[in-house]
Amino acid sequence: MKFRICVQAAFGLLMSFSAFAQQPPAERRAPQPIPLFFRETWKDTAAIPVTQEAISNPDLELRVYGASKDDMTVNNEGGIPHVWTGLCPAGCAVVLRHKESFADLTGKARFKWYTKTSGFHEIRPIVKLANGDWLVGDHADRYTYDFHETEFYLADVRWIKLDIAKVQTKGTLLDKVDLSKVDEIGFVDLTPGSGHGLGGFSDVGWMEVYGKPVRRDVQVSK
């Protein structure tokens, strides 16, 4: 009898220990949310060229591709500062580079932006990887009625390579993309602008990127 009680007690202790050992660590049960990597709202101003002077976040550097500084402007419409692409002669892109860090855009990293388009124009995410590759995503926003807030996870986006000199896609959709070290982040409109008035342009107001910072002195593979 005593032997049976001892065996049952030992078995119960073993099961309790096993259940305790299988419990995940606290940090795995409650993962930390992906932090805000940067937010850009543009300077609140009358129409000015899209240059570094238009950037409101002092941690960011501006890059413009496929257009001169006079082909796009930062405007204030209804109290909403935004980039307007109406004079772009071909596809054009606006990207931002954090001065201190790459962005790790894996996992639940996401974009959030405030946009509006005219005609059949579309706004797509664009990234430059730390190894120099340029990619544009298949996510496209084309809301023409008014400014519209959109949020999307990069894990849901499929990517294709981009010839940044021409701002044109090349190749086919990629099966796998490593977004663990992203150097530049922004948006692209692949359609030429139609000039002033309605017909063909994109407006991009504030933009938020949620991802983990990665020090720029971390070695990256080519």
Protein backbone atom coordinates (compact mmCIF):
# COMPACT_ATOMS: atom_id res chain seq x y z
CA MET A 1 0.00 0.00 0.00
CA LYS A 2 2.72 2.42 0.97
CA PHE A 3 4.62 1.46 -2.17
CA ARG A 4 1.57 2.27 -4.33
CA ILE A 5 1.13 5.66 -2.64
CA CYS A 6 4.79 6.48 -3.17
CA VAL A 7 4.58 5.52 -6.84
CA GLN A 8 1.45 7.63 -7.34
CA ALA A 9 3.05 10.61 -5.60
CA ALA A 10 6.22 10.28 -7.70
CA PHE A 11 4.16 9.99 -10.89
CA GLY A 12 2.13 13.09 -9.98
CA LEU A 13 5.29 15.05 -9.23
CA LEU A 14 6.78 13.98 -12.55
CA MET A 15 3.68 15.08 -14.48
CA SER A 16 3.64 18.45 -12.71
CA PHE A 17 7.32 19.00 -13.52
CA SER A 18 6.75 18.02 -17.16
CA ALA A 19 3.81 20.42 -17.51
CA PHE A 20 5.85 23.21 -15.94
CA ALA A 21 8.82 22.53 -18.23
CA GLN A 22 6.58 22.70 -21.31
CA GLN A 23 5.23 26.12 -20.48
CA PRO A 24 6.69 28.75 -22.85
CA PRO A 25 8.70 31.64 -21.40
CA ALA A 26 6.72 34.72 -20.50
CA GLU A 27 8.19 36.71 -23.37
CA ARG A 28 7.05 34.06 -25.87
CA ARG A 29 3.55 33.99 -24.45
CA ALA A 30 3.29 37.78 -24.74
CA PRO A 31 5.56 38.97 -27.58
CA GLN A 32 6.46 42.62 -27.71
CA PRO A 33 4.68 44.61 -30.46
CA ILE A 34 6.68 45.75 -33.46
CA PRO A 35 7.88 49.31 -32.68
CA LEU A 36 7.39 52.41 -34.79
CA PHE A 37 10.57 52.72 -36.85
CA PHE A 38 9.77 56.14 -38.24
CA ARG A 39 6.93 58.51 -39.05
CA GLU A 40 7.08 61.25 -41.67
CA THR A 41 4.39 63.95 -41.97
CA TRP A 42 6.13 66.42 -44.38
CA LYS A 43 6.48 70.12 -43.62
CA ASP A 44 3.22 72.04 -43.35
CA THR A 45 3.81 74.57 -46.10
CA ALA A 46 2.65 76.07 -49.36
CA ALA A 47 3.76 74.16 -52.47
CA ILE A 48 7.52 73.56 -52.43
CA PRO A 49 9.76 71.07 -54.30
CA VAL A 50 10.27 67.65 -52.71
CA THR A 51 13.72 68.18 -51.20
CA GLN A 52 15.30 67.57 -47.80
CA GLU A 53 13.80 70.88 -46.69
CA ALA A 54 10.35 69.29 -46.86
CA ILE A 55 11.21 66.53 -44.36
CA SER A 56 9.79 67.00 -40.85
CA ASN A 57 11.66 64.12 -39.15
CA PRO A 58 15.30 65.09 -38.44
CA ASP A 59 16.36 61.40 -38.33
CA LEU A 60 15.50 60.85 -42.00
CA GLU A 61 17.24 61.57 -45.31
CA LEU A 62 15.23 62.01 -48.49
CA ARG A 63 15.90 60.26 -51.82
CA VAL A 64 13.94 60.97 -55.04
CA TYR A 65 14.12 58.68 -58.07
CA GLY A 66 12.75 59.11 -61.59
CA ALA A 67 11.98 62.81 -61.22
CA SER A 68 13.61 66.16 -60.64
CA LYS A 69 12.84 68.27 -57.61
CA ASP A 70 10.41 70.31 -59.74
CA ASP A 71 8.32 67.30 -60.86
CA MET A 72 6.84 66.72 -57.42
CA THR A 73 5.77 69.11 -54.70
CA VAL A 74 4.83 69.06 -51.04
CA ASN A 75 1.46 70.79 -50.69
CA ASN A 76 -1.08 71.45 -47.97
CA GLU A 77 -4.61 70.51 -49.01
CA GLY A 78 -7.31 70.79 -46.39
CA GLY A 79 -4.71 70.82 -43.61
CA ILE A 80 -2.99 67.67 -44.92
CA PRO A 81 0.65 68.12 -46.02
CA HIS A 82 1.39 65.62 -48.79
CA VAL A 83 3.64 64.76 -51.73
CA TRP A 84 2.00 65.31 -55.15
CA THR A 85 3.39 63.42 -58.18
CA GLY A 86 1.43 65.10 -60.98
CA LEU A 87 4.42 66.32 -63.03
CA CYS A 88 6.50 63.13 -62.97
CA PRO A 89 7.55 62.41 -66.59
CA ALA A 90 7.58 58.66 -65.90
CA GLY A 91 7.39 56.46 -62.82
CA CYS A 92 8.77 58.22 -59.74
CA ALA A 93 9.65 57.21 -56.19
CA VAL A 94 10.16 58.96 -52.88
CA VAL A 95 12.10 57.06 -50.24
CA LEU A 96 13.46 57.79 -46.79
CA ARG A 97 16.68 56.57 -45.20
CA HIS A 98 17.13 56.50 -41.43
CA LYS A 99 20.49 58.03 -40.53
CA GLU A 100 21.31 55.58 -37.74
CA SER A 101 19.66 52.26 -38.55
CA PHE A 102 18.56 49.75 -41.11
CA ALA A 103 15.02 48.44 -40.63
CA ASP A 104 14.19 44.82 -39.88
CA LEU A 105 10.85 44.45 -41.67
CA THR A 106 10.33 40.75 -41.01
CA GLY A 107 7.61 39.18 -38.87
CA LYS A 108 4.68 41.53 -38.24
CA ALA A 109 6.39 44.64 -39.64
CA ARG A 110 3.89 46.89 -41.38
CA PHE A 111 3.27 50.12 -43.27
CA LYS A 112 0.60 52.66 -42.53
CA TRP A 113 -0.01 55.69 -44.75
CA TYR A 114 -2.54 58.35 -45.71
CA THR A 115 -3.02 58.55 -49.47
CA LYS A 116 -5.21 59.59 -52.37
CA THR A 117 -4.93 59.04 -56.14
CA SER A 118 -6.43 60.35 -59.37
CA GLY A 119 -7.18 58.44 -62.56
CA PHE A 120 -5.68 54.95 -62.58
CA HIS A 121 -2.64 55.83 -60.50
CA GLU A 122 -1.53 53.49 -57.73
CA ILE A 123 0.78 53.88 -54.75
CA ARG A 124 3.03 50.94 -53.90
CA PRO A 125 5.66 50.25 -51.21
CA ILE A 126 9.30 50.33 -52.30
CA VAL A 127 12.42 49.22 -50.41
CA LYS A 128 16.15 49.19 -50.99
CA LEU A 129 17.88 46.29 -49.25
CA ALA A 130 21.23 46.70 -47.52
CA ASN A 131 22.88 44.73 -50.35
CA GLY A 132 21.67 47.30 -52.91
CA ASP A 133 18.70 45.43 -54.39
CA TRP A 134 15.56 47.45 -55.09
CA LEU A 135 12.10 45.89 -54.68
CA VAL A 136 8.54 47.08 -55.24
CA GLY A 137 5.51 45.36 -53.72
CA ASP A 138 2.28 44.11 -55.24
CA HIS A 139 0.21 45.96 -52.61
CA ALA A 140 -1.37 49.00 -54.29
CA ASP A 141 -3.61 51.76 -52.95
CA ARG A 142 -5.85 53.60 -55.42
CA TYR A 143 -8.48 55.43 -53.39
CA THR A 144 -9.71 58.40 -55.47
CA TYR A 145 -12.51 59.93 -53.39
CA ASP A 146 -10.42 61.52 -50.64
CA PHE A 147 -7.43 60.84 -48.42
CA HIS A 148 -7.67 57.37 -46.97
CA GLU A 149 -5.69 55.62 -44.22
CA THR A 150 -4.33 52.17 -45.11
CA GLU A 151 -2.37 49.67 -43.02
CA PHE A 152 -0.82 46.46 -44.34
CA TYR A 153 1.65 43.81 -43.21
CA LEU A 154 4.76 43.33 -45.33
CA ALA A 155 4.53 39.57 -44.81
CA ASP A 156 1.43 39.71 -47.05
CA VAL A 157 3.26 41.57 -49.82
CA ARG A 158 4.89 39.90 -52.81
CA TRP A 159 7.88 41.63 -54.36
CA ILE A 160 9.47 42.15 -57.75
CA LYS A 161 12.84 43.70 -58.56
CA LEU A 162 12.97 47.33 -59.66
CA ASP A 163 15.32 49.11 -62.04
CA ILE A 164 15.66 52.25 -59.96
CA ALA A 165 17.33 54.27 -62.73
CA LYS A 166 14.24 53.83 -64.93
CA VAL A 167 11.76 53.20 -62.10
CA GLN A 168 10.55 50.12 -63.95
CA THR A 169 9.89 46.59 -62.76
CA LYS A 170 11.99 43.71 -64.07
CA GLY A 171 11.76 39.94 -63.91
CA THR A 172 8.96 38.09 -62.18
CA LEU A 173 7.55 38.00 -58.67
CA LEU A 174 10.12 36.70 -56.20
CA ASP A 175 9.46 33.52 -54.25
CA LYS A 176 11.47 34.63 -51.22
CA VAL A 177 12.71 38.01 -50.00
CA ASP A 178 14.89 38.81 -46.96
CA LEU A 179 13.69 42.06 -45.37
CA SER A 180 15.86 41.77 -42.27
CA LYS A 181 18.07 44.72 -43.30
CA VAL A 182 16.32 47.43 -45.30
CA ASP A 183 18.24 50.59 -46.14
CA GLU A 184 15.64 52.87 -47.77
CA ILE A 185 11.84 52.79 -47.51
CA GLY A 186 9.14 54.68 -49.33
CA PHE A 187 6.53 54.69 -52.08
CA VAL A 188 6.48 54.56 -55.87
CA ASP A 189 3.97 55.59 -58.53
CA LEU A 190 4.82 53.64 -61.69
CA THR A 191 2.61 55.81 -63.97
CA PRO A 192 3.58 59.21 -65.47
CA GLY A 193 1.73 62.21 -64.09
CA SER A 194 -0.83 64.08 -66.23
CA GLY A 195 -0.02 67.57 -64.98
CA HIS A 196 -2.16 69.93 -62.96
CA GLY A 197 -5.83 69.17 -62.54
CA LEU A 198 -7.56 65.83 -62.22
CA GLY A 199 -6.55 62.90 -64.34
CA GLY A 200 -3.33 61.35 -63.16
CA PHE A 201 -1.37 61.80 -59.93
CA SER A 202 -0.78 60.38 -56.48
CA ASP A 203 -0.93 62.20 -53.15
CA VAL A 204 0.91 60.72 -50.17
CA GLY A 205 0.36 62.30 -46.77
CA TRP A 206 1.92 60.99 -43.58
CA MET A 207 3.66 57.63 -43.62
CA GLU A 208 4.52 55.28 -40.75
CA VAL A 209 6.84 52.26 -40.85
CA TYR A 210 6.77 49.68 -38.05
CA GLY A 211 9.91 47.56 -37.80
CA LYS A 212 12.89 46.83 -35.60
CA PRO A 213 16.01 49.05 -35.88
CA VAL A 214 19.29 47.35 -36.85
CA ARG A 215 22.57 49.22 -36.35
CA ARG A 216 24.21 50.25 -39.61
CA ASP A 217 27.59 48.92 -38.44
CA VAL A 218 26.22 45.34 -38.55
CA GLN A 219 27.91 43.53 -41.44
CA VAL A 220 25.65 42.59 -44.35
CA SER A 221 26.30 40.02 -47.07
CA LYS A 222 26.39 40.95 -50.73
